[in-house]
C-alpha atoms as a PDB file:
ATOM      1  CA  MET A   1     -22.296  16.678  -7.158  1.00  0.00           C
ATOM      2  CA  LEU A   2     -20.138  17.483  -4.150  1.00  0.00           C
ATOM      3  CA  GLU A   3     -20.846  14.074  -2.608  1.00  0.00           C
ATOM      4  CA  PHE A   4     -19.656  12.425  -5.831  1.00  0.00           C
ATOM      5  CA  PHE A   5     -16.418  14.427  -5.663  1.00  0.00           C
ATOM      6  CA  PHE A   6     -15.816  13.358  -2.053  1.00  0.00           C
ATOM      7  CA  LEU A   7     -16.539   9.727  -2.914  1.00  0.00           C
ATOM      8  CA  CYS A   8     -14.011   9.840  -5.748  1.00  0.00           C
ATOM      9  CA  MET A   9     -11.434  11.533  -3.521  1.00  0.00           C
ATOM     10  CA  ILE A  10     -11.917   9.016  -0.694  1.00  0.00           C
ATOM     11  CA  GLY A  11     -11.790   6.122  -3.174  1.00  0.00           C
ATOM     12  CA  GLY A  12      -8.568   7.440  -4.676  1.00  0.00           C
ATOM     13  CA  LEU A  13      -6.987   7.919  -1.251  1.00  0.00           C
ATOM     14  CA  THR A  14      -8.016   4.398  -0.249  1.00  0.00           C
ATOM     15  CA  LEU A  15      -6.372   2.986  -3.381  1.00  0.00           C
ATOM     16  CA  VAL A  16      -3.183   4.968  -2.672  1.00  0.00           C
ATOM     17  CA  VAL A  17      -3.072   3.764   0.954  1.00  0.00           C
ATOM     18  CA  TRP A  18      -3.601   0.133  -0.090  1.00  0.00           C
ATOM     19  CA  GLY A  19      -0.890   0.485  -2.751  1.00  0.00           C
ATOM     20  CA  LEU A  20       1.569   1.826  -0.179  1.00  0.00           C
ATOM     21  CA  LEU A  21       0.709  -0.944   2.292  1.00  0.00           C
ATOM     22  CA  ILE A  22       1.212  -3.654  -0.343  1.00  0.00           C
ATOM     23  CA  TYR A  23       4.479  -2.017  -1.463  1.00  0.00           C
ATOM     24  CA  LEU A  24       5.804  -1.837   2.111  1.00  0.00           C
ATOM     25  CA  TRP A  25       4.688  -5.440   2.775  1.00  0.00           C
ATOM     26  CA  GLY A  26       6.632  -6.566  -0.320  1.00  0.00           C
ATOM     27  CA  LEU A  27       9.729  -4.681   0.850  1.00  0.00           C
ATOM     28  CA  ILE A  28       9.503  -6.197   4.356  1.00  0.00           C
ATOM     29  CA  LEU A  29       8.988  -9.730   3.008  1.00  0.00           C
ATOM     30  CA  GLY A  30      11.898  -9.339   0.575  1.00  0.00           C
ATOM     31  CA  TRP A  31      14.194  -7.999   3.297  1.00  0.00           C
ATOM     32  CA  TRP A  32      13.070 -10.710   5.734  1.00  0.00           C
ATOM     33  CA  SER A  33      13.763 -13.588   3.314  1.00  0.00           C
ATOM     34  CA  GLU A  34      17.155 -12.151   2.329  1.00  0.00           C
ATOM     35  CA  TYR A  35      18.079 -11.604   5.971  1.00  0.00           C
ATOM     36  CA  HIS A  36      17.196 -15.165   6.970  1.00  0.00           C
ATOM     37  CA  GLU A  37      18.772 -16.836   3.941  1.00  0.00           C
ATOM     38  CA  GLY A  38      21.940 -14.786   4.330  1.00  0.00           C
ATOM     39  CA  GLY A  39      22.168 -15.357   8.081  1.00  0.00           C
END
């Protein structure tokens, strides 16, 4: 049962990390395009 709990916790953390990475990537791409189009 403990292994199942750790698997769920690791899976949840992995999803959170991927979500943050995708969010940051979107912010960087948005800033980059605005910066180049404005400049």
